[in-house]
């Protein structure tokens, strides 16, 4: 369905905002040392490799500071959620505020797709205190924050992949979001079975699913994830070797080439700061992608570019579901028959 196959890289750019209900600042800094340096290093590597990616930023991360929980921009959000937000400028709280990085990202070459991650503060939309009113404030605040640095986001990533209230996105100019993958671990609701299943997928080097975009609402495209980076902390790598993560990317890419679909890889830049081998692992992954791209086997698109591609194909028949291909699958296997596209 795609010729050549497509690889999408999306990043959940959140820093401490994604963990503020789980870790305080000292524990976050201990677990992810030099997290700001990891963000700079990822962008440097993507630009050097001439790779465009989708960076979904928490809105507040793009600010130059806030006035703490009483900041007017936080009005309408749950007080228990905003209580830990510091009153500080970027220079004093770079784990919270990185306008300097957001501006660098906006000016990157090649241009990166800068999207929105959840909203202003990484409020999880499915939490009990996330009323529809709070979600609307969160979403509008995130859009406003990105507009302050002249960014109109078209791509959206839900916090912790908790997908809900899709109808709120199109009116604000959002054209695509990252849906959940078809991997078994992602289908499980209970956290412990899901974690066990994920370990087994990693140890078994299971081929990630190849995916196809679907139009969830008019003009809103679901671009499901194929594989997320498994954490690289010392305990995790003692169980799942680092090379396993690289091998699963290679297998996902090969499956996409075989099926003519999309391999959508995503991660948090924060995760690369968790272990000493994070950036070396990223280098190995990027080398795999560069070789496949330069050989003409894949093209690397952003989420927004995939949505544009799908919009341009409206006059052609589209699959009603996304494809899932395993090792040895034939191009188009598992897809509906569209004789006009030559798929059997």
C-alpha atoms as a PDB file:
ATOM      1  CA  UNK A   1       0.000   0.000   0.000  1.00  0.00           C
ATOM      2  CA  UNK A   2       3.038   2.273   0.515  1.00  0.00           C
ATOM      3  CA  UNK A   3       5.828   2.164  -2.016  1.00  0.00           C
ATOM      4  CA  UNK A   4       8.374   2.349  -0.584  1.00  0.00           C
ATOM      5  CA  UNK A   5       7.424   1.355   2.942  1.00  0.00           C
ATOM      6  CA  UNK A   6       7.185   4.108   5.557  1.00  0.00           C
ATOM      7  CA  UNK A   7       8.905   4.532   8.909  1.00  0.00           C
ATOM      8  CA  UNK A   8       7.506   7.048  11.397  1.00  0.00           C
ATOM      9  CA  UNK A   9       9.357   8.131  14.537  1.00  0.00           C
ATOM     10  CA  UNK A  10       7.343   9.907  17.224  1.00  0.00           C
ATOM     11  CA  UNK A  11       8.650  11.208  20.528  1.00  0.00           C
ATOM     12  CA  UNK A  12       6.768  11.979  23.731  1.00  0.00           C
ATOM     13  CA  UNK A  13       8.618  15.122  24.859  1.00  0.00           C
ATOM     14  CA  UNK A  14       7.596  15.703  28.442  1.00  0.00           C
ATOM     15  CA  UNK A  15      10.559  15.673  30.872  1.00  0.00           C
ATOM     16  CA  UNK A  16       9.262  15.867  34.467  1.00  0.00           C
ATOM     17  CA  UNK A  17       5.709  16.747  33.385  1.00  0.00           C
ATOM     18  CA  UNK A  18       5.129  13.115  32.458  1.00  0.00           C
ATOM     19  CA  UNK A  19       6.152  11.903  35.903  1.00  0.00           C
ATOM     20  CA  UNK A  20       4.990  14.567  38.326  1.00  0.00           C
ATOM     21  CA  UNK A  21       2.263  12.324  39.759  1.00  0.00           C
ATOM     22  CA  UNK A  22       4.793   9.490  40.160  1.00  0.00           C
ATOM     23  CA  UNK A  23       8.153  11.031  41.087  1.00  0.00           C
ATOM     24  CA  UNK A  24       9.277  14.166  42.890  1.00  0.00           C
ATOM     25  CA  UNK A  25      12.057  16.244  41.366  1.00  0.00           C
ATOM     26  CA  UNK A  26      15.003  14.618  43.237  1.00  0.00           C
ATOM     27  CA  UNK A  27      13.862  11.095  42.322  1.00  0.00           C
ATOM     28  CA  UNK A  28      13.219  12.088  38.738  1.00  0.00           C
ATOM     29  CA  UNK A  29      16.716  13.591  38.489  1.00  0.00           C
ATOM     30  CA  UNK A  30      18.245  10.444  39.967  1.00  0.00           C
ATOM     31  CA  UNK A  31      16.420   8.155  37.574  1.00  0.00           C
ATOM     32  CA  UNK A  32      16.985  10.358  34.500  1.00  0.00           C
ATOM     33  CA  UNK A  33      20.296  12.209  35.010  1.00  0.00           C
ATOM     34  CA  UNK A  34      21.046  14.956  32.470  1.00  0.00           C
ATOM     35  CA  UNK A  35      17.656  14.580  30.853  1.00  0.00           C
ATOM     36  CA  UNK A  36      17.957  17.965  29.143  1.00  0.00           C
ATOM     37  CA  UNK A  37      21.187  16.804  27.514  1.00  0.00           C
ATOM     38  CA  UNK A  38      19.406  13.715  26.194  1.00  0.00           C
ATOM     39  CA  UNK A  39      16.862  15.899  24.373  1.00  0.00           C
ATOM     40  CA  UNK A  40      19.613  17.943  22.747  1.00  0.00           C
ATOM     41  CA  UNK A  41      21.509  14.783  21.778  1.00  0.00           C
ATOM     42  CA  UNK A  42      18.445  13.192  20.133  1.00  0.00           C
ATOM     43  CA  UNK A  43      17.759  16.306  18.064  1.00  0.00           C
ATOM     44  CA  UNK A  44      21.429  16.562  17.077  1.00  0.00           C
ATOM     45  CA  UNK A  45      21.433  12.966  15.859  1.00  0.00           C
ATOM     46  CA  UNK A  46      18.204  13.281  13.899  1.00  0.00           C
ATOM     47  CA  UNK A  47      19.423  16.416  12.157  1.00  0.00           C
ATOM     48  CA  UNK A  48      22.805  14.854  11.367  1.00  0.00           C
ATOM     49  CA  UNK A  49      21.014  11.827   9.890  1.00  0.00           C
ATOM     50  CA  UNK A  50      18.622  14.078   7.907  1.00  0.00           C
ATOM     51  CA  UNK A  51      15.654  12.415   9.605  1.00  0.00           C
ATOM     52  CA  UNK A  52      12.373  14.168  10.351  1.00  0.00           C
ATOM     53  CA  UNK A  53      10.402  13.024  13.394  1.00  0.00           C
ATOM     54  CA  UNK A  54       7.222  13.996  15.214  1.00  0.00           C
ATOM     55  CA  UNK A  55       7.989  15.641  18.557  1.00  0.00           C
ATOM     56  CA  UNK A  56       4.857  15.894  20.700  1.00  0.00           C
ATOM     57  CA  UNK A  57       5.583  18.453  23.422  1.00  0.00           C
ATOM     58  CA  UNK A  58       3.750  19.026  26.679  1.00  0.00           C
ATOM     59  CA  UNK A  59       2.615  22.616  26.292  1.00  0.00           C
ATOM     60  CA  UNK A  60       4.151  23.919  29.529  1.00  0.00           C
ATOM     61  CA  UNK A  61       7.542  22.535  28.515  1.00  0.00           C
ATOM     62  CA  UNK A  62       7.640  25.226  25.808  1.00  0.00           C
ATOM     63  CA  UNK A  63       7.122  28.081  28.293  1.00  0.00           C
ATOM     64  CA  UNK A  64       9.880  30.263  29.760  1.00  0.00           C
ATOM     65  CA  UNK A  65       8.464  29.779  33.261  1.00  0.00           C
ATOM     66  CA  UNK A  66       5.309  29.839  35.368  1.00  0.00           C
ATOM     67  CA  UNK A  67       4.063  31.446  38.578  1.00  0.00           C
ATOM     68  CA  UNK A  68       3.369  28.144  40.331  1.00  0.00           C
ATOM     69  CA  UNK A  69      -0.057  26.600  41.036  1.00  0.00           C
ATOM     70  CA  UNK A  70      -1.639  30.064  41.021  1.00  0.00           C
ATOM     71  CA  UNK A  71      -0.536  30.804  37.472  1.00  0.00           C
ATOM     72  CA  UNK A  72      -3.592  32.036  35.516  1.00  0.00           C
ATOM     73  CA  UNK A  73      -2.857  29.522  32.755  1.00  0.00           C
ATOM     74  CA  UNK A  74      -3.592  26.706  35.213  1.00  0.00           C
ATOM     75  CA  UNK A  75      -7.059  27.889  36.119  1.00  0.00           C
ATOM     76  CA  UNK A  76      -9.669  25.217  35.445  1.00  0.00           C
ATOM     77  CA  UNK A  77      -7.255  22.330  36.071  1.00  0.00           C
ATOM     78  CA  UNK A  78      -7.505  20.038  39.142  1.00  0.00           C
ATOM     79  CA  UNK A  79      -5.658  21.528  42.128  1.00  0.00           C
ATOM     80  CA  UNK A  80      -4.243  18.139  43.117  1.00  0.00           C
ATOM     81  CA  UNK A  81      -2.665  17.935  39.658  1.00  0.00           C
ATOM     82  CA  UNK A  82      -1.068  21.394  39.610  1.00  0.00           C
ATOM     83  CA  UNK A  83       0.088  21.576  43.242  1.00  0.00           C
ATOM     84  CA  UNK A  84       3.720  20.598  42.481  1.00  0.00           C
ATOM     85  CA  UNK A  85       4.312  23.044  39.629  1.00  0.00           C
ATOM     86  CA  UNK A  86       7.089  25.447  40.672  1.00  0.00           C
ATOM     87  CA  UNK A  87       7.084  29.223  40.480  1.00  0.00           C
ATOM     88  CA  UNK A  88      10.289  29.643  38.505  1.00  0.00           C
ATOM     89  CA  UNK A  89      11.792  30.709  35.169  1.00  0.00           C
ATOM     90  CA  UNK A  90      13.426  28.290  32.750  1.00  0.00           C
ATOM     91  CA  UNK A  91      16.926  29.074  33.984  1.00  0.00           C
ATOM     92  CA  UNK A  92      16.009  27.919  37.507  1.00  0.00           C
ATOM     93  CA  UNK A  93      13.785  24.973  36.509  1.00  0.00           C
ATOM     94  CA  UNK A  94      14.988  23.503  33.190  1.00  0.00           C
ATOM     95  CA  UNK A  95      13.374  20.137  33.917  1.00  0.00           C
ATOM     96  CA  UNK A  96      10.009  21.921  33.822  1.00  0.00           C
ATOM     97  CA  UNK A  97      10.474  24.665  31.231  1.00  0.00           C
ATOM     98  CA  UNK A  98      12.515  24.435  27.986  1.00  0.00           C
ATOM     99  CA  UNK A  99      11.446  27.253  25.698  1.00  0.00           C
ATOM    100  CA  UNK A 100      15.028  27.467  24.467  1.00  0.00           C
ATOM    101  CA  UNK A 101      14.851  23.847  23.283  1.00  0.00           C
ATOM    102  CA  UNK A 102      11.388  24.311  21.763  1.00  0.00           C
ATOM    103  CA  UNK A 103      12.685  27.227  19.709  1.00  0.00           C
ATOM    104  CA  UNK A 104      15.685  25.181  18.613  1.00  0.00           C
ATOM    105  CA  UNK A 105      13.342  22.380  17.627  1.00  0.00           C
ATOM    106  CA  UNK A 106      11.186  24.751  15.590  1.00  0.00           C
ATOM    107  CA  UNK A 107      14.251  25.941  13.674  1.00  0.00           C
ATOM    108  CA  UNK A 108      15.757  22.470  13.111  1.00  0.00           C
ATOM    109  CA  UNK A 109      17.025  21.318   9.730  1.00  0.00           C
ATOM    110  CA  UNK A 110      15.451  19.167   8.397  1.00  0.00           C
ATOM    111  CA  UNK A 111      12.156  20.570   9.744  1.00  0.00           C
ATOM    112  CA  UNK A 112      10.658  18.535  12.541  1.00  0.00           C
ATOM    113  CA  UNK A 113       6.921  17.992  13.087  1.00  0.00           C
ATOM    114  CA  UNK A 114       6.155  19.699  16.414  1.00  0.00           C
ATOM    115  CA  UNK A 115       2.910  18.373  17.863  1.00  0.00           C
ATOM    116  CA  UNK A 116       1.130  18.471  21.216  1.00  0.00           C
ATOM    117  CA  UNK A 117       1.393  15.875  23.969  1.00  0.00           C
ATOM    118  CA  UNK A 118      -1.835  15.844  25.964  1.00  0.00           C
ATOM    119  CA  UNK A 119      -2.143  19.565  26.594  1.00  0.00           C
ATOM    120  CA  UNK A 120      -0.622  22.113  28.947  1.00  0.00           C
ATOM    121  CA  UNK A 121       0.447  19.919  31.900  1.00  0.00           C
ATOM    122  CA  UNK A 122       0.333  16.229  30.838  1.00  0.00           C
ATOM    123  CA  UNK A 123      -3.068  15.743  32.459  1.00  0.00           C
ATOM    124  CA  UNK A 124      -4.146  12.145  31.827  1.00  0.00           C
ATOM    125  CA  UNK A 125      -7.565  12.453  30.233  1.00  0.00           C
ATOM    126  CA  UNK A 126      -8.953   9.213  31.660  1.00  0.00           C
ATOM    127  CA  UNK A 127      -8.056   9.907  35.302  1.00  0.00           C
ATOM    128  CA  UNK A 128     -11.060  10.278  37.673  1.00  0.00           C
ATOM    129  CA  UNK A 129     -10.470  14.019  38.227  1.00  0.00           C
ATOM    130  CA  UNK A 130     -10.189  14.751  34.501  1.00  0.00           C
ATOM    131  CA  UNK A 131     -13.630  16.200  33.891  1.00  0.00           C
ATOM    132  CA  UNK A 132     -14.552  17.309  30.402  1.00  0.00           C
ATOM    133  CA  UNK A 133     -14.174  20.923  31.544  1.00  0.00           C
ATOM    134  CA  UNK A 134     -10.664  20.234  32.867  1.00  0.00           C
ATOM    135  CA  UNK A 135      -9.705  18.422  29.652  1.00  0.00           C
ATOM    136  CA  UNK A 136     -10.882  21.344  27.533  1.00  0.00           C
ATOM    137  CA  UNK A 137      -8.835  23.779  29.662  1.00  0.00           C
ATOM    138  CA  UNK A 138      -5.826  21.477  29.429  1.00  0.00           C
ATOM    139  CA  UNK A 139      -6.096  21.140  25.669  1.00  0.00           C
ATOM    140  CA  UNK A 140      -6.676  24.843  25.001  1.00  0.00           C
ATOM    141  CA  UNK A 141      -3.779  25.747  27.304  1.00  0.00           C
ATOM    142  CA  UNK A 142      -1.447  23.440  25.410  1.00  0.00           C
ATOM    143  CA  UNK A 143      -2.468  24.889  22.047  1.00  0.00           C
ATOM    144  CA  UNK A 144      -1.944  28.432  23.376  1.00  0.00           C
ATOM    145  CA  UNK A 145       1.499  27.549  24.743  1.00  0.00           C
ATOM    146  CA  UNK A 146       2.698  26.249  21.371  1.00  0.00           C
ATOM    147  CA  UNK A 147       1.206  29.222  19.575  1.00  0.00           C
ATOM    148  CA  UNK A 148       3.367  31.492  21.753  1.00  0.00           C
ATOM    149  CA  UNK A 149       6.357  30.134  19.845  1.00  0.00           C
ATOM    150  CA  UNK A 150       4.514  30.256  16.506  1.00  0.00           C
ATOM    151  CA  UNK A 151       3.627  26.558  16.303  1.00  0.00           C
ATOM    152  CA  UNK A 152       0.200  25.308  15.242  1.00  0.00           C
ATOM    153  CA  UNK A 153       0.285  21.594  16.093  1.00  0.00           C
ATOM    154  CA  UNK A 154      -1.246  19.134  13.651  1.00  0.00           C
ATOM    155  CA  UNK A 155      -0.108  15.947  15.427  1.00  0.00           C
ATOM    156  CA  UNK A 156      -1.297  14.809  18.843  1.00  0.00           C
ATOM    157  CA  UNK A 157      -0.175  12.136  21.293  1.00  0.00           C
ATOM    158  CA  UNK A 158      -2.312  11.195  24.279  1.00  0.00           C
ATOM    159  CA  UNK A 159      -0.711  11.016  27.711  1.00  0.00           C
ATOM    160  CA  UNK A 160       0.110   7.404  28.575  1.00  0.00           C
ATOM    161  CA  UNK A 161      -1.725   6.368  25.419  1.00  0.00           C
ATOM    162  CA  UNK A 162      -5.100   6.815  27.175  1.00  0.00           C
ATOM    163  CA  UNK A 163      -7.198   7.719  24.168  1.00  0.00           C
ATOM    164  CA  UNK A 164     -10.505   9.533  24.638  1.00  0.00           C
ATOM    165  CA  UNK A 165     -12.546  12.550  23.474  1.00  0.00           C
ATOM    166  CA  UNK A 166     -11.309  12.470  19.900  1.00  0.00           C
ATOM    167  CA  UNK A 167     -14.011  14.954  18.964  1.00  0.00           C
ATOM    168  CA  UNK A 168     -12.069  17.735  20.733  1.00  0.00           C
ATOM    169  CA  UNK A 169      -9.093  17.525  18.374  1.00  0.00           C
ATOM    170  CA  UNK A 170     -10.229  18.515  14.831  1.00  0.00           C
ATOM    171  CA  UNK A 171     -11.698  21.915  15.810  1.00  0.00           C
ATOM    172  CA  UNK A 172      -8.253  22.908  17.113  1.00  0.00           C
ATOM    173  CA  UNK A 173      -6.431  22.000  13.914  1.00  0.00           C
ATOM    174  CA  UNK A 174      -5.233  18.535  15.001  1.00  0.00           C
ATOM    175  CA  UNK A 175      -5.148  16.189  12.002  1.00  0.00           C
ATOM    176  CA  UNK A 176      -3.626  12.984  13.395  1.00  0.00           C
ATOM    177  CA  UNK A 177      -2.878  11.118  16.611  1.00  0.00           C
ATOM    178  CA  UNK A 178      -0.973   8.025  17.614  1.00  0.00           C
ATOM    179  CA  UNK A 179      -3.296   5.110  18.285  1.00  0.00           C
ATOM    180  CA  UNK A 180      -2.523   2.001  20.274  1.00  0.00           C
ATOM    181  CA  UNK A 181      -0.667  -0.883  18.632  1.00  0.00           C
ATOM    182  CA  UNK A 182      -2.054  -4.345  18.023  1.00  0.00           C
ATOM    183  CA  UNK A 183       0.670  -5.985  20.136  1.00  0.00           C
ATOM    184  CA  UNK A 184      -0.706  -8.323  22.786  1.00  0.00           C
ATOM    185  CA  UNK A 185       0.881  -6.365  25.651  1.00  0.00           C
ATOM    186  CA  UNK A 186      -0.953  -3.193  24.601  1.00  0.00           C
ATOM    187  CA  UNK A 187      -4.314  -4.986  24.549  1.00  0.00           C
ATOM    188  CA  UNK A 188      -4.114  -6.038  28.204  1.00  0.00           C
ATOM    189  CA  UNK A 189      -5.746  -3.738  30.743  1.00  0.00           C
ATOM    190  CA  UNK A 190      -4.148  -5.073  33.937  1.00  0.00           C
ATOM    191  CA  UNK A 191      -0.696  -3.606  34.541  1.00  0.00           C
ATOM    192  CA  UNK A 192       1.063  -6.752  35.812  1.00  0.00           C
ATOM    193  CA  UNK A 193      -0.005  -9.106  32.977  1.00  0.00           C
ATOM    194  CA  UNK A 194       0.777  -6.321  30.522  1.00  0.00           C
ATOM    195  CA  UNK A 195       4.295  -5.892  31.929  1.00  0.00           C
ATOM    196  CA  UNK A 196       4.925  -9.643  31.852  1.00  0.00           C
ATOM    197  CA  UNK A 197       3.674  -9.894  28.292  1.00  0.00           C
ATOM    198  CA  UNK A 198       5.896  -7.003  27.251  1.00  0.00           C
ATOM    199  CA  UNK A 199       8.968  -8.723  28.702  1.00  0.00           C
ATOM    200  CA  UNK A 200       8.093 -11.882  26.788  1.00  0.00           C
ATOM    201  CA  UNK A 201       7.703  -9.880  23.565  1.00  0.00           C
ATOM    202  CA  UNK A 202      11.124  -8.343  24.095  1.00  0.00           C
ATOM    203  CA  UNK A 203      12.870 -11.589  25.026  1.00  0.00           C
ATOM    204  CA  UNK A 204      11.216 -13.363  22.097  1.00  0.00           C
ATOM    205  CA  UNK A 205      12.184 -10.490  19.793  1.00  0.00           C
ATOM    206  CA  UNK A 206       8.627 -10.515  18.487  1.00  0.00           C
ATOM    207  CA  UNK A 207       8.158  -8.723  15.175  1.00  0.00           C
ATOM    208  CA  UNK A 208       6.218  -5.495  15.821  1.00  0.00           C
ATOM    209  CA  UNK A 209       2.981  -5.029  13.869  1.00  0.00           C
ATOM    210  CA  UNK A 210       2.937  -3.145  10.608  1.00  0.00           C
ATOM    211  CA  UNK A 211       0.180  -0.536  10.693  1.00  0.00           C
ATOM    212  CA  UNK A 212      -2.062   1.433   8.360  1.00  0.00           C
ATOM    213  CA  UNK A 213      -3.735   4.786   9.109  1.00  0.00           C
ATOM    214  CA  UNK A 214      -7.481   4.953   9.593  1.00  0.00           C
ATOM    215  CA  UNK A 215      -9.753   7.982   9.619  1.00  0.00           C
ATOM    216  CA  UNK A 216     -11.357   8.003  13.072  1.00  0.00           C
ATOM    217  CA  UNK A 217     -13.327  11.196  12.421  1.00  0.00           C
ATOM    218  CA  UNK A 218     -13.547  13.316   9.279  1.00  0.00           C
ATOM    219  CA  UNK A 219     -10.060  14.743   8.801  1.00  0.00           C
ATOM    220  CA  UNK A 220      -8.607  13.023  11.902  1.00  0.00           C
ATOM    221  CA  UNK A 221      -6.220  10.165  11.191  1.00  0.00           C
ATOM    222  CA  UNK A 222      -5.214   7.442  13.619  1.00  0.00           C
ATOM    223  CA  UNK A 223      -1.596   6.442  12.961  1.00  0.00           C
ATOM    224  CA  UNK A 224      -1.110   3.522  15.371  1.00  0.00           C
ATOM    225  CA  UNK A 225       2.188   2.854  17.056  1.00  0.00           C
ATOM    226  CA  UNK A 226       4.069  -0.326  16.172  1.00  0.00           C
ATOM    227  CA  UNK A 227       6.705  -0.442  18.907  1.00  0.00           C
ATOM    228  CA  UNK A 228       7.761   1.654  21.877  1.00  0.00           C
ATOM    229  CA  UNK A 229      11.246   1.630  23.332  1.00  0.00           C
ATOM    230  CA  UNK A 230      11.491  -0.764  26.270  1.00  0.00           C
ATOM    231  CA  UNK A 231      13.090   1.008  29.287  1.00  0.00           C
ATOM    232  CA  UNK A 232      16.866   0.785  29.564  1.00  0.00           C
ATOM    233  CA  UNK A 233      17.460   1.094  33.313  1.00  0.00           C
ATOM    234  CA  UNK A 234      19.985  -1.265  34.901  1.00  0.00           C
ATOM    235  CA  UNK A 235      17.352  -3.714  36.196  1.00  0.00           C
ATOM    236  CA  UNK A 236      15.526  -3.884  32.848  1.00  0.00           C
ATOM    237  CA  UNK A 237      18.696  -4.385  30.806  1.00  0.00           C
ATOM    238  CA  UNK A 238      19.822  -7.164  33.149  1.00  0.00           C
ATOM    239  CA  UNK A 239      16.702  -9.059  32.038  1.00  0.00           C
ATOM    240  CA  UNK A 240      16.307  -7.786  28.476  1.00  0.00           C
ATOM    241  CA  UNK A 241      19.662  -7.104  26.754  1.00  0.00           C
ATOM    242  CA  UNK A 242      20.037  -3.786  24.938  1.00  0.00           C
ATOM    243  CA  UNK A 243      20.610  -5.507  21.586  1.00  0.00           C
ATOM    244  CA  UNK A 244      17.078  -6.926  21.760  1.00  0.00           C
ATOM    245  CA  UNK A 245      15.632  -3.429  21.368  1.00  0.00           C
ATOM    246  CA  UNK A 246      17.722  -2.863  18.257  1.00  0.00           C
ATOM    247  CA  UNK A 247      16.749  -6.224  16.776  1.00  0.00           C
ATOM    248  CA  UNK A 248      13.031  -5.528  17.211  1.00  0.00           C
ATOM    249  CA  UNK A 249      13.403  -2.272  15.288  1.00  0.00           C
ATOM    250  CA  UNK A 250      15.159  -4.133  12.486  1.00  0.00           C
ATOM    251  CA  UNK A 251      12.388  -6.727  12.366  1.00  0.00           C
ATOM    252  CA  UNK A 252       9.689  -4.066  12.372  1.00  0.00           C
ATOM    253  CA  UNK A 253      11.364  -2.298   9.468  1.00  0.00           C
ATOM    254  CA  UNK A 254      11.703  -5.528   7.473  1.00  0.00           C
ATOM    255  CA  UNK A 255       8.037  -6.367   8.082  1.00  0.00           C
ATOM    256  CA  UNK A 256       6.978  -2.934   6.838  1.00  0.00           C
ATOM    257  CA  UNK A 257       9.033  -3.396   3.671  1.00  0.00           C
ATOM    258  CA  UNK A 258       7.476  -6.821   3.132  1.00  0.00           C
ATOM    259  CA  UNK A 259       3.915  -5.566   3.662  1.00  0.00           C
ATOM    260  CA  UNK A 260       4.181  -2.133   2.072  1.00  0.00           C
ATOM    261  CA  UNK A 261       2.978  -0.532   5.295  1.00  0.00           C
ATOM    262  CA  UNK A 262       4.162   1.639   8.164  1.00  0.00           C
ATOM    263  CA  UNK A 263       6.544   0.846  10.989  1.00  0.00           C
ATOM    264  CA  UNK A 264       5.810   3.453  13.690  1.00  0.00           C
ATOM    265  CA  UNK A 265       8.486   3.576  16.382  1.00  0.00           C
ATOM    266  CA  UNK A 266       8.080   5.785  19.436  1.00  0.00           C
ATOM    267  CA  UNK A 267       9.921   6.635  22.619  1.00  0.00           C
ATOM    268  CA  UNK A 268      10.468   9.220  25.334  1.00  0.00           C
ATOM    269  CA  UNK A 269      13.795  11.063  24.997  1.00  0.00           C
ATOM    270  CA  UNK A 270      13.882  10.887  28.807  1.00  0.00           C
ATOM    271  CA  UNK A 271      14.332   7.110  28.571  1.00  0.00           C
ATOM    272  CA  UNK A 272      17.693   7.525  26.845  1.00  0.00           C
ATOM    273  CA  UNK A 273      18.979   9.291  29.969  1.00  0.00           C
ATOM    274  CA  UNK A 274      18.054   6.299  32.124  1.00  0.00           C
ATOM    275  CA  UNK A 275      21.031   4.152  31.105  1.00  0.00           C
ATOM    276  CA  UNK A 276      24.574   4.747  29.940  1.00  0.00           C
ATOM    277  CA  UNK A 277      23.998   2.959  26.620  1.00  0.00           C
ATOM    278  CA  UNK A 278      20.934   4.867  25.525  1.00  0.00           C
ATOM    279  CA  UNK A 279      22.522   7.108  22.912  1.00  0.00           C
ATOM    280  CA  UNK A 280      24.692   4.286  21.527  1.00  0.00           C
ATOM    281  CA  UNK A 281      21.537   2.232  21.092  1.00  0.00           C
ATOM    282  CA  UNK A 282      19.873   5.144  19.285  1.00  0.00           C
ATOM    283  CA  UNK A 283      22.912   5.457  17.020  1.00  0.00           C
ATOM    284  CA  UNK A 284      22.576   1.781  16.063  1.00  0.00           C
ATOM    285  CA  UNK A 285      18.868   2.181  15.329  1.00  0.00           C
ATOM    286  CA  UNK A 286      19.416   5.282  13.225  1.00  0.00           C
ATOM    287  CA  UNK A 287      22.123   3.483  11.248  1.00  0.00           C
ATOM    288  CA  UNK A 288      19.620   0.741  10.350  1.00  0.00           C
ATOM    289  CA  UNK A 289      17.118   3.373   9.190  1.00  0.00           C
ATOM    290  CA  UNK A 290      19.687   5.369   7.232  1.00  0.00           C
ATOM    291  CA  UNK A 291      20.892   2.325   5.302  1.00  0.00           C
ATOM    292  CA  UNK A 292      17.337   1.269   4.434  1.00  0.00           C
ATOM    293  CA  UNK A 293      16.399   4.811   3.399  1.00  0.00           C
ATOM    294  CA  UNK A 294      19.513   5.353   1.302  1.00  0.00           C
ATOM    295  CA  UNK A 295      18.888   2.006  -0.411  1.00  0.00           C
ATOM    296  CA  UNK A 296      15.412   3.205  -1.384  1.00  0.00           C
ATOM    297  CA  UNK A 297      13.640   0.547   0.711  1.00  0.00           C
ATOM    298  CA  UNK A 298      11.854   3.003   3.017  1.00  0.00           C
ATOM    299  CA  UNK A 299      10.991   6.657   3.364  1.00  0.00           C
ATOM    300  CA  UNK A 300      10.854   8.327   6.756  1.00  0.00           C
ATOM    301  CA  UNK A 301       7.808  10.535   7.275  1.00  0.00           C
ATOM    302  CA  UNK A 302       6.362  12.463  10.194  1.00  0.00           C
ATOM    303  CA  UNK A 303       2.864  11.797  11.490  1.00  0.00           C
ATOM    304  CA  UNK A 304       1.644  15.012   9.867  1.00  0.00           C
ATOM    305  CA  UNK A 305       3.137  13.961   6.536  1.00  0.00           C
ATOM    306  CA  UNK A 306       1.377  10.601   6.731  1.00  0.00           C
ATOM    307  CA  UNK A 307      -1.926  12.392   7.367  1.00  0.00           C
ATOM    308  CA  UNK A 308      -1.251  14.619   4.347  1.00  0.00           C
ATOM    309  CA  UNK A 309      -0.488  11.548   2.251  1.00  0.00           C
ATOM    310  CA  UNK A 310      -3.759   9.920   3.269  1.00  0.00           C
ATOM    311  CA  UNK A 311      -5.726  13.080   2.516  1.00  0.00           C
ATOM    312  CA  UNK A 312      -4.192  13.150  -0.955  1.00  0.00           C
ATOM    313  CA  UNK A 313      -5.360   9.568  -1.551  1.00  0.00           C
ATOM    314  CA  UNK A 314      -9.003  10.226  -0.812  1.00  0.00           C
ATOM    315  CA  UNK A 315      -9.970   9.543  -4.396  1.00  0.00           C
ATOM    316  CA  UNK A 316      -8.498   6.039  -4.088  1.00  0.00           C
ATOM    317  CA  UNK A 317     -10.011   3.142  -2.079  1.00  0.00           C
ATOM    318  CA  UNK A 318      -8.596   2.929   1.443  1.00  0.00           C
ATOM    319  CA  UNK A 319      -8.286  -0.070   3.745  1.00  0.00           C
ATOM    320  CA  UNK A 320     -10.900  -0.058   6.483  1.00  0.00           C
ATOM    321  CA  UNK A 321      -8.443  -1.370   9.064  1.00  0.00           C
ATOM    322  CA  UNK A 322      -4.712  -1.321   9.537  1.00  0.00           C
ATOM    323  CA  UNK A 323      -2.526  -4.257   8.587  1.00  0.00           C
ATOM    324  CA  UNK A 324      -0.678  -6.515  10.984  1.00  0.00           C
ATOM    325  CA  UNK A 325       2.110  -8.531   9.398  1.00  0.00           C
ATOM    326  CA  UNK A 326       4.394 -11.094  10.918  1.00  0.00           C
ATOM    327  CA  UNK A 327       7.632 -12.729   9.792  1.00  0.00           C
ATOM    328  CA  UNK A 328       7.386 -14.007   6.237  1.00  0.00           C
ATOM    329  CA  UNK A 329       4.162 -12.137   5.500  1.00  0.00           C
ATOM    330  CA  UNK A 330       3.479 -11.245   1.889  1.00  0.00           C
ATOM    331  CA  UNK A 331       2.793  -7.678   0.789  1.00  0.00           C
ATOM    332  CA  UNK A 332      -0.857  -6.833   1.429  1.00  0.00           C
ATOM    333  CA  UNK A 333      -1.427  -9.932   3.580  1.00  0.00           C
ATOM    334  CA  UNK A 334      -4.417  -9.440   5.844  1.00  0.00           C
ATOM    335  CA  UNK A 335      -5.675  -6.364   3.982  1.00  0.00           C
ATOM    336  CA  UNK A 336      -9.094  -6.063   2.396  1.00  0.00           C
ATOM    337  CA  UNK A 337      -9.200  -6.781  -1.358  1.00  0.00           C
ATOM    338  CA  UNK A 338      -9.110  -3.603  -3.466  1.00  0.00           C
ATOM    339  CA  UNK A 339      -8.762  -4.705  -7.059  1.00  0.00           C
ATOM    340  CA  UNK A 340      -8.062  -1.154  -8.212  1.00  0.00           C
ATOM    341  CA  UNK A 341      -4.901  -1.217  -6.108  1.00  0.00           C
ATOM    342  CA  UNK A 342      -3.867  -4.623  -7.329  1.00  0.00           C
ATOM    343  CA  UNK A 343      -4.002  -6.179  -3.859  1.00  0.00           C
ATOM    344  CA  UNK A 344      -5.072  -9.828  -3.726  1.00  0.00           C
END
